Amino acid sequence: MYQQKEADLKPCPFCGSEAYLYIIPPHTHSDFVKKFCPDLPDCKGEAFVECTGCTAAMIGSTAEQVSKEWNRRVEK
């Protein structure tokens, strides 16, 4: 399904817990899934970061993109 990838991620901005980066490779959905969602397009591949504490998450098209966005902190 997806694979965890080593990444230099900052702690979660909401709870301070550790976060992980996951890679979802391109794939075609199974016949079982297509039975219930016939118009679901094939997955082109994506990546997401998820907090191990509060489960906050971000999704992006590449590991580099989503890691950079997760690590971006905005000062008020």
PDB file of N, CA and C in Angstrom:
ATOM      1  N   MET A   1       0.826  -1.184   0.000  1.00  0.00           N
ATOM      2  CA  MET A   1       0.000   0.000   0.000  1.00  0.00           C
ATOM      3  C   MET A   1       0.878   1.258   0.000  1.00  0.00           C
ATOM      4  N   TYR A   2       1.389   1.667   1.138  1.00  0.00           N
ATOM      5  CA  TYR A   2       2.279   2.800   1.146  1.00  0.00           C
ATOM      6  C   TYR A   2       3.512   2.468   1.956  1.00  0.00           C
ATOM      7  N   GLN A   3       4.558   3.240   1.775  1.00  0.00           N
ATOM      8  CA  GLN A   3       5.801   2.983   2.471  1.00  0.00           C
ATOM      9  C   GLN A   3       6.227   4.207   3.269  1.00  0.00           C
ATOM     10  N   GLN A   4       6.793   3.960   4.426  1.00  0.00           N
ATOM     11  CA  GLN A   4       7.294   5.047   5.240  1.00  0.00           C
ATOM     12  C   GLN A   4       8.667   5.429   4.710  1.00  0.00           C
ATOM     13  N   LYS A   5       8.972   6.717   4.722  1.00  0.00           N
ATOM     14  CA  LYS A   5      10.240   7.186   4.198  1.00  0.00           C
ATOM     15  C   LYS A   5      10.931   8.040   5.252  1.00  0.00           C
ATOM     16  N   GLU A   6      12.236   7.881   5.374  1.00  0.00           N
ATOM     17  CA  GLU A   6      13.008   8.723   6.285  1.00  0.00           C
ATOM     18  C   GLU A   6      12.946  10.163   5.785  1.00  0.00           C
ATOM     19  N   ALA A   7      12.684  11.075   6.712  1.00  0.00           N
ATOM     20  CA  ALA A   7      12.611  12.485   6.338  1.00  0.00           C
ATOM     21  C   ALA A   7      12.970  13.328   7.553  1.00  0.00           C
ATOM     22  N   ASP A   8      13.510  14.498   7.293  1.00  0.00           N
ATOM     23  CA  ASP A   8      13.856  15.432   8.353  1.00  0.00           C
ATOM     24  C   ASP A   8      12.651  16.338   8.579  1.00  0.00           C
ATOM     25  N   LEU A   9      11.745  15.884   9.434  1.00  0.00           N
ATOM     26  CA  LEU A   9      10.503  16.616   9.683  1.00  0.00           C
ATOM     27  C   LEU A   9      10.531  17.279  11.056  1.00  0.00           C
ATOM     28  N   LYS A  10      10.009  18.479  11.117  1.00  0.00           N
ATOM     29  CA  LYS A  10       9.864  19.156  12.397  1.00  0.00           C
ATOM     30  C   LYS A  10       8.730  18.490  13.173  1.00  0.00           C
ATOM     31  N   PRO A  11       8.707  18.666  14.507  1.00  0.00           N
ATOM     32  CA  PRO A  11       7.594  18.130  15.291  1.00  0.00           C
ATOM     33  C   PRO A  11       6.274  18.772  14.849  1.00  0.00           C
ATOM     34  N   CYS A  12       5.180  18.144  15.212  1.00  0.00           N
ATOM     35  CA  CYS A  12       3.851  18.644  14.871  1.00  0.00           C
ATOM     36  C   CYS A  12       3.666  20.060  15.428  1.00  0.00           C
ATOM     37  N   PRO A  13       3.167  20.980  14.602  1.00  0.00           N
ATOM     38  CA  PRO A  13       2.953  22.350  15.081  1.00  0.00           C
ATOM     39  C   PRO A  13       1.788  22.471  16.056  1.00  0.00           C
ATOM     40  N   PHE A  14       0.970  21.443  16.161  1.00  0.00           N
ATOM     41  CA  PHE A  14      -0.204  21.498  17.031  1.00  0.00           C
ATOM     42  C   PHE A  14       0.049  20.864  18.390  1.00  0.00           C
ATOM     43  N   CYS A  15       0.708  19.687  18.395  1.00  0.00           N
ATOM     44  CA  CYS A  15       0.892  18.984  19.677  1.00  0.00           C
ATOM     45  C   CYS A  15       2.349  18.721  20.024  1.00  0.00           C
ATOM     46  N   GLY A  16       3.266  18.934  19.058  1.00  0.00           N
ATOM     47  CA  GLY A  16       4.689  18.729  19.323  1.00  0.00           C
ATOM     48  C   GLY A  16       5.182  17.303  19.154  1.00  0.00           C
ATOM     49  N   SER A  17       4.313  16.382  18.746  1.00  0.00           N
ATOM     50  CA  SER A  17       4.707  14.978  18.571  1.00  0.00           C
ATOM     51  C   SER A  17       5.497  14.783  17.279  1.00  0.00           C
ATOM     52  N   GLU A  18       6.126  13.621  17.166  1.00  0.00           N
ATOM     53  CA  GLU A  18       6.890  13.250  15.984  1.00  0.00           C
ATOM     54  C   GLU A  18       5.944  13.018  14.797  1.00  0.00           C
ATOM     55  N   ALA A  19       6.451  13.272  13.602  1.00  0.00           N
ATOM     56  CA  ALA A  19       5.662  13.066  12.382  1.00  0.00           C
ATOM     57  C   ALA A  19       6.406  12.111  11.451  1.00  0.00           C
ATOM     58  N   TYR A  20       5.657  11.423  10.611  1.00  0.00           N
ATOM     59  CA  TYR A  20       6.226  10.498   9.636  1.00  0.00           C
ATOM     60  C   TYR A  20       5.769  10.861   8.232  1.00  0.00           C
ATOM     61  N   LEU A  21       6.621  10.550   7.271  1.00  0.00           N
ATOM     62  CA  LEU A  21       6.332  10.770   5.856  1.00  0.00           C
ATOM     63  C   LEU A  21       6.017   9.424   5.224  1.00  0.00           C
ATOM     64  N   TYR A  22       4.939   9.381   4.464  1.00  0.00           N
ATOM     65  CA  TYR A  22       4.522   8.151   3.777  1.00  0.00           C
ATOM     66  C   TYR A  22       4.422   8.425   2.282  1.00  0.00           C
ATOM     67  N   ILE A  23       4.821   7.444   1.507  1.00  0.00           N
ATOM     68  CA  ILE A  23       4.773   7.528   0.042  1.00  0.00           C
ATOM     69  C   ILE A  23       3.735   6.528  -0.458  1.00  0.00           C
ATOM     70  N   ILE A  24       2.825   7.008  -1.284  1.00  0.00           N
ATOM     71  CA  ILE A  24       1.836   6.133  -1.915  1.00  0.00           C
ATOM     72  C   ILE A  24       2.218   6.039  -3.391  1.00  0.00           C
ATOM     73  N   PRO A  25       2.670   4.873  -3.838  1.00  0.00           N
ATOM     74  CA  PRO A  25       3.097   4.746  -5.238  1.00  0.00           C
ATOM     75  C   PRO A  25       1.900   4.784  -6.187  1.00  0.00           C
ATOM     76  N   PRO A  26       2.160   5.121  -7.452  1.00  0.00           N
ATOM     77  CA  PRO A  26       1.078   5.080  -8.443  1.00  0.00           C
ATOM     78  C   PRO A  26       0.487   3.666  -8.494  1.00  0.00           C
ATOM     79  N   HIS A  27      -0.840   3.608  -8.645  1.00  0.00           N
ATOM     80  CA  HIS A  27      -1.482   2.295  -8.709  1.00  0.00           C
ATOM     81  C   HIS A  27      -2.871   2.390  -9.331  1.00  0.00           C
ATOM     82  N   THR A  28      -3.325   1.248  -9.787  1.00  0.00           N
ATOM     83  CA  THR A  28      -4.684   1.090 -10.289  1.00  0.00           C
ATOM     84  C   THR A  28      -5.502   0.474  -9.170  1.00  0.00           C
ATOM     85  N   HIS A  29      -6.690   0.962  -8.973  1.00  0.00           N
ATOM     86  CA  HIS A  29      -7.534   0.441  -7.901  1.00  0.00           C
ATOM     87  C   HIS A  29      -8.063  -0.948  -8.258  1.00  0.00           C
ATOM     88  N   SER A  30      -8.286  -1.734  -7.229  1.00  0.00           N
ATOM     89  CA  SER A  30      -8.744  -3.107  -7.425  1.00  0.00           C
ATOM     90  C   SER A  30     -10.174  -3.137  -7.983  1.00  0.00           C
ATOM     91  N   ASP A  31     -10.550  -4.275  -8.517  1.00  0.00           N
ATOM     92  CA  ASP A  31     -11.916  -4.451  -9.033  1.00  0.00           C
ATOM     93  C   ASP A  31     -12.945  -4.265  -7.916  1.00  0.00           C
ATOM     94  N   PHE A  32     -12.586  -4.655  -6.685  1.00  0.00           N
ATOM     95  CA  PHE A  32     -13.492  -4.490  -5.552  1.00  0.00           C
ATOM     96  C   PHE A  32     -13.794  -3.007  -5.320  1.00  0.00           C
ATOM     97  N   VAL A  33     -12.758  -2.175  -5.339  1.00  0.00           N
ATOM     98  CA  VAL A  33     -12.946  -0.725  -5.143  1.00  0.00           C
ATOM     99  C   VAL A  33     -13.722  -0.138  -6.316  1.00  0.00           C
ATOM    100  N   LYS A  34     -13.366  -0.537  -7.535  1.00  0.00           N
ATOM    101  CA  LYS A  34     -14.044  -0.018  -8.727  1.00  0.00           C
ATOM    102  C   LYS A  34     -15.527  -0.394  -8.753  1.00  0.00           C
ATOM    103  N   LYS A  35     -15.876  -1.502  -8.112  1.00  0.00           N
ATOM    104  CA  LYS A  35     -17.271  -1.926  -8.043  1.00  0.00           C
ATOM    105  C   LYS A  35     -18.115  -0.871  -7.315  1.00  0.00           C
ATOM    106  N   PHE A  36     -17.550  -0.280  -6.264  1.00  0.00           N
ATOM    107  CA  PHE A  36     -18.280   0.709  -5.471  1.00  0.00           C
ATOM    108  C   PHE A  36     -18.021   2.141  -5.929  1.00  0.00           C
ATOM    109  N   CYS A  37     -16.891   2.368  -6.572  1.00  0.00           N
ATOM    110  CA  CYS A  37     -16.520   3.717  -7.044  1.00  0.00           C
ATOM    111  C   CYS A  37     -16.034   3.602  -8.490  1.00  0.00           C
ATOM    112  N   PRO A  38     -16.934   3.356  -9.432  1.00  0.00           N
ATOM    113  CA  PRO A  38     -16.509   3.092 -10.812  1.00  0.00           C
ATOM    114  C   PRO A  38     -15.806   4.275 -11.483  1.00  0.00           C
ATOM    115  N   ASP A  39     -16.042   5.495 -11.011  1.00  0.00           N
ATOM    116  CA  ASP A  39     -15.425   6.659 -11.635  1.00  0.00           C
ATOM    117  C   ASP A  39     -14.134   7.095 -10.952  1.00  0.00           C
ATOM    118  N   LEU A  40     -13.667   6.341  -9.973  1.00  0.00           N
ATOM    119  CA  LEU A  40     -12.450   6.688  -9.255  1.00  0.00           C
ATOM    120  C   LEU A  40     -11.249   6.529 -10.187  1.00  0.00           C
ATOM    121  N   PRO A  41     -10.498   7.610 -10.411  1.00  0.00           N
ATOM    122  CA  PRO A  41      -9.348   7.506 -11.323  1.00  0.00           C
ATOM    123  C   PRO A  41      -8.195   6.756 -10.661  1.00  0.00           C
ATOM    124  N   ASP A  42      -7.282   6.266 -11.477  1.00  0.00           N
ATOM    125  CA  ASP A  42      -6.088   5.626 -10.950  1.00  0.00           C
ATOM    126  C   ASP A  42      -5.283   6.644 -10.153  1.00  0.00           C
ATOM    127  N   CYS A  43      -4.568   6.168  -9.149  1.00  0.00           N
ATOM    128  CA  CYS A  43      -3.743   7.050  -8.321  1.00  0.00           C
ATOM    129  C   CYS A  43      -2.438   7.337  -9.052  1.00  0.00           C
ATOM    130  N   LYS A  44      -2.079   8.597  -9.161  1.00  0.00           N
ATOM    131  CA  LYS A  44      -0.843   8.996  -9.844  1.00  0.00           C
ATOM    132  C   LYS A  44       0.357   8.994  -8.903  1.00  0.00           C
ATOM    133  N   GLY A  45       0.118   8.668  -7.641  1.00  0.00           N
ATOM    134  CA  GLY A  45       1.191   8.675  -6.651  1.00  0.00           C
ATOM    135  C   GLY A  45       1.114   9.969  -5.858  1.00  0.00           C
ATOM    136  N   GLU A  46       1.369   9.882  -4.575  1.00  0.00           N
ATOM    137  CA  GLU A  46       1.327  11.054  -3.713  1.00  0.00           C
ATOM    138  C   GLU A  46       2.093  10.751  -2.436  1.00  0.00           C
ATOM    139  N   ALA A  47       2.180  11.734  -1.579  1.00  0.00           N
ATOM    140  CA  ALA A  47       2.875  11.573  -0.310  1.00  0.00           C
ATOM    141  C   ALA A  47       2.099  12.308   0.771  1.00  0.00           C
ATOM    142  N   PHE A  48       2.221  11.833   2.007  1.00  0.00           N
ATOM    143  CA  PHE A  48       1.600  12.557   3.099  1.00  0.00           C
ATOM    144  C   PHE A  48       2.435  12.465   4.362  1.00  0.00           C
ATOM    145  N   VAL A  49       2.302  13.503   5.194  1.00  0.00           N
ATOM    146  CA  VAL A  49       2.946  13.554   6.498  1.00  0.00           C
ATOM    147  C   VAL A  49       1.837  13.441   7.529  1.00  0.00           C
ATOM    148  N   GLU A  50       2.068  12.608   8.557  1.00  0.00           N
ATOM    149  CA  GLU A  50       1.067  12.441   9.597  1.00  0.00           C
ATOM    150  C   GLU A  50       1.737  12.499  10.963  1.00  0.00           C
ATOM    151  N   CYS A  51       1.101  13.216  11.891  1.00  0.00           N
ATOM    152  CA  CYS A  51       1.567  13.319  13.269  1.00  0.00           C
ATOM    153  C   CYS A  51       1.234  12.023  14.008  1.00  0.00           C
ATOM    154  N   THR A  52       2.172  11.562  14.844  1.00  0.00           N
ATOM    155  CA  THR A  52       1.933  10.339  15.613  1.00  0.00           C
ATOM    156  C   THR A  52       1.088  10.598  16.860  1.00  0.00           C
ATOM    157  N   GLY A  53       0.894  11.873  17.206  1.00  0.00           N
ATOM    158  CA  GLY A  53       0.105  12.213  18.383  1.00  0.00           C
ATOM    159  C   GLY A  53      -1.331  12.545  18.053  1.00  0.00           C
ATOM    160  N   CYS A  54      -1.541  13.737  17.509  1.00  0.00           N
ATOM    161  CA  CYS A  54      -2.910  14.207  17.242  1.00  0.00           C
ATOM    162  C   CYS A  54      -3.427  13.796  15.871  1.00  0.00           C
ATOM    163  N   THR A  55      -2.620  13.144  15.066  1.00  0.00           N
ATOM    164  CA  THR A  55      -2.917  12.661  13.708  1.00  0.00           C
ATOM    165  C   THR A  55      -3.194  13.768  12.700  1.00  0.00           C
ATOM    166  N   ALA A  56      -2.736  14.994  12.983  1.00  0.00           N
ATOM    167  CA  ALA A  56      -2.811  16.045  11.958  1.00  0.00           C
ATOM    168  C   ALA A  56      -2.022  15.544  10.753  1.00  0.00           C
ATOM    169  N   ALA A  57      -2.459  15.905   9.561  1.00  0.00           N
ATOM    170  CA  ALA A  57      -1.795  15.395   8.359  1.00  0.00           C
ATOM    171  C   ALA A  57      -1.849  16.407   7.231  1.00  0.00           C
ATOM    172  N   MET A  58      -0.923  16.230   6.297  1.00  0.00           N
ATOM    173  CA  MET A  58      -0.878  17.010   5.056  1.00  0.00           C
ATOM    174  C   MET A  58      -0.617  16.034   3.921  1.00  0.00           C
ATOM    175  N   ILE A  59      -1.178  16.345   2.769  1.00  0.00           N
ATOM    176  CA  ILE A  59      -0.954  15.503   1.595  1.00  0.00           C
ATOM    177  C   ILE A  59      -0.414  16.379   0.476  1.00  0.00           C
ATOM    178  N   GLY A  60       0.433  15.803  -0.361  1.00  0.00           N
ATOM    179  CA  GLY A  60       0.997  16.527  -1.487  1.00  0.00           C
ATOM    180  C   GLY A  60       1.322  15.584  -2.621  1.00  0.00           C
ATOM    181  N   SER A  61       1.731  16.135  -3.731  1.00  0.00           N
ATOM    182  CA  SER A  61       2.004  15.283  -4.894  1.00  0.00           C
ATOM    183  C   SER A  61       3.372  14.613  -4.819  1.00  0.00           C
ATOM    184  N   THR A  62       4.321  15.207  -4.063  1.00  0.00           N
ATOM    185  CA  THR A  62       5.646  14.594  -3.914  1.00  0.00           C
ATOM    186  C   THR A  62       6.085  14.643  -2.453  1.00  0.00           C
ATOM    187  N   ALA A  63       7.025  13.775  -2.109  1.00  0.00           N
ATOM    188  CA  ALA A  63       7.565  13.749  -0.747  1.00  0.00           C
ATOM    189  C   ALA A  63       8.269  15.070  -0.427  1.00  0.00           C
ATOM    190  N   GLU A  64       9.003  15.603  -1.380  1.00  0.00           N
ATOM    191  CA  GLU A  64       9.729  16.850  -1.165  1.00  0.00           C
ATOM    192  C   GLU A  64       8.767  18.004  -0.897  1.00  0.00           C
ATOM    193  N   GLN A  65       7.698  18.068  -1.671  1.00  0.00           N
ATOM    194  CA  GLN A  65       6.719  19.151  -1.522  1.00  0.00           C
ATOM    195  C   GLN A  65       6.043  19.111  -0.162  1.00  0.00           C
ATOM    196  N   VAL A  66       5.524  17.964   0.219  1.00  0.00           N
ATOM    197  CA  VAL A  66       4.771  17.877   1.464  1.00  0.00           C
ATOM    198  C   VAL A  66       5.693  18.030   2.676  1.00  0.00           C
ATOM    199  N   SER A  67       6.927  17.556   2.581  1.00  0.00           N
ATOM    200  CA  SER A  67       7.883  17.741   3.683  1.00  0.00           C
ATOM    201  C   SER A  67       8.193  19.222   3.886  1.00  0.00           C
ATOM    202  N   LYS A  68       8.421  19.915   2.787  1.00  0.00           N
ATOM    203  CA  LYS A  68       8.724  21.343   2.854  1.00  0.00           C
ATOM    204  C   LYS A  68       7.550  22.117   3.455  1.00  0.00           C
ATOM    205  N   GLU A  69       6.337  21.787   3.035  1.00  0.00           N
ATOM    206  CA  GLU A  69       5.160  22.478   3.555  1.00  0.00           C
ATOM    207  C   GLU A  69       4.933  22.165   5.034  1.00  0.00           C
ATOM    208  N   TRP A  70       5.157  20.905   5.435  1.00  0.00           N
ATOM    209  CA  TRP A  70       4.999  20.530   6.846  1.00  0.00           C
ATOM    210  C   TRP A  70       5.986  21.310   7.722  1.00  0.00           C
ATOM    211  N   ASN A  71       7.201  21.441   7.236  1.00  0.00           N
ATOM    212  CA  ASN A  71       8.242  22.103   8.016  1.00  0.00           C
ATOM    213  C   ASN A  71       8.139  23.627   8.023  1.00  0.00           C
ATOM    214  N   ARG A  72       7.326  24.164   7.161  1.00  0.00           N
ATOM    215  CA  ARG A  72       7.177  25.620   7.110  1.00  0.00           C
ATOM    216  C   ARG A  72       6.379  26.080   8.326  1.00  0.00           C
ATOM    217  N   ARG A  73       6.936  27.046   9.036  1.00  0.00           N
ATOM    218  CA  ARG A  73       6.267  27.617  10.208  1.00  0.00           C
ATOM    219  C   ARG A  73       6.080  29.100   9.960  1.00  0.00           C
ATOM    220  N   VAL A  74       4.904  29.579  10.232  1.00  0.00           N
ATOM    221  CA  VAL A  74       4.604  30.984  10.016  1.00  0.00           C
ATOM    222  C   VAL A  74       4.576  31.698  11.369  1.00  0.00           C
ATOM    223  N   GLU A  75       5.405  32.727  11.494  1.00  0.00           N
ATOM    224  CA  GLU A  75       5.451  33.533  12.725  1.00  0.00           C
ATOM    225  C   GLU A  75       4.341  34.563  12.682  1.00  0.00           C
ATOM    226  N   LYS A  76       3.685  34.771  13.808  1.00  0.00           N
ATOM    227  CA  LYS A  76       2.623  35.789  13.878  1.00  0.00           C
ATOM    228  C   LYS A  76       3.170  37.082  14.411  1.00  0.00           C
TER     229      LYS A  76
END
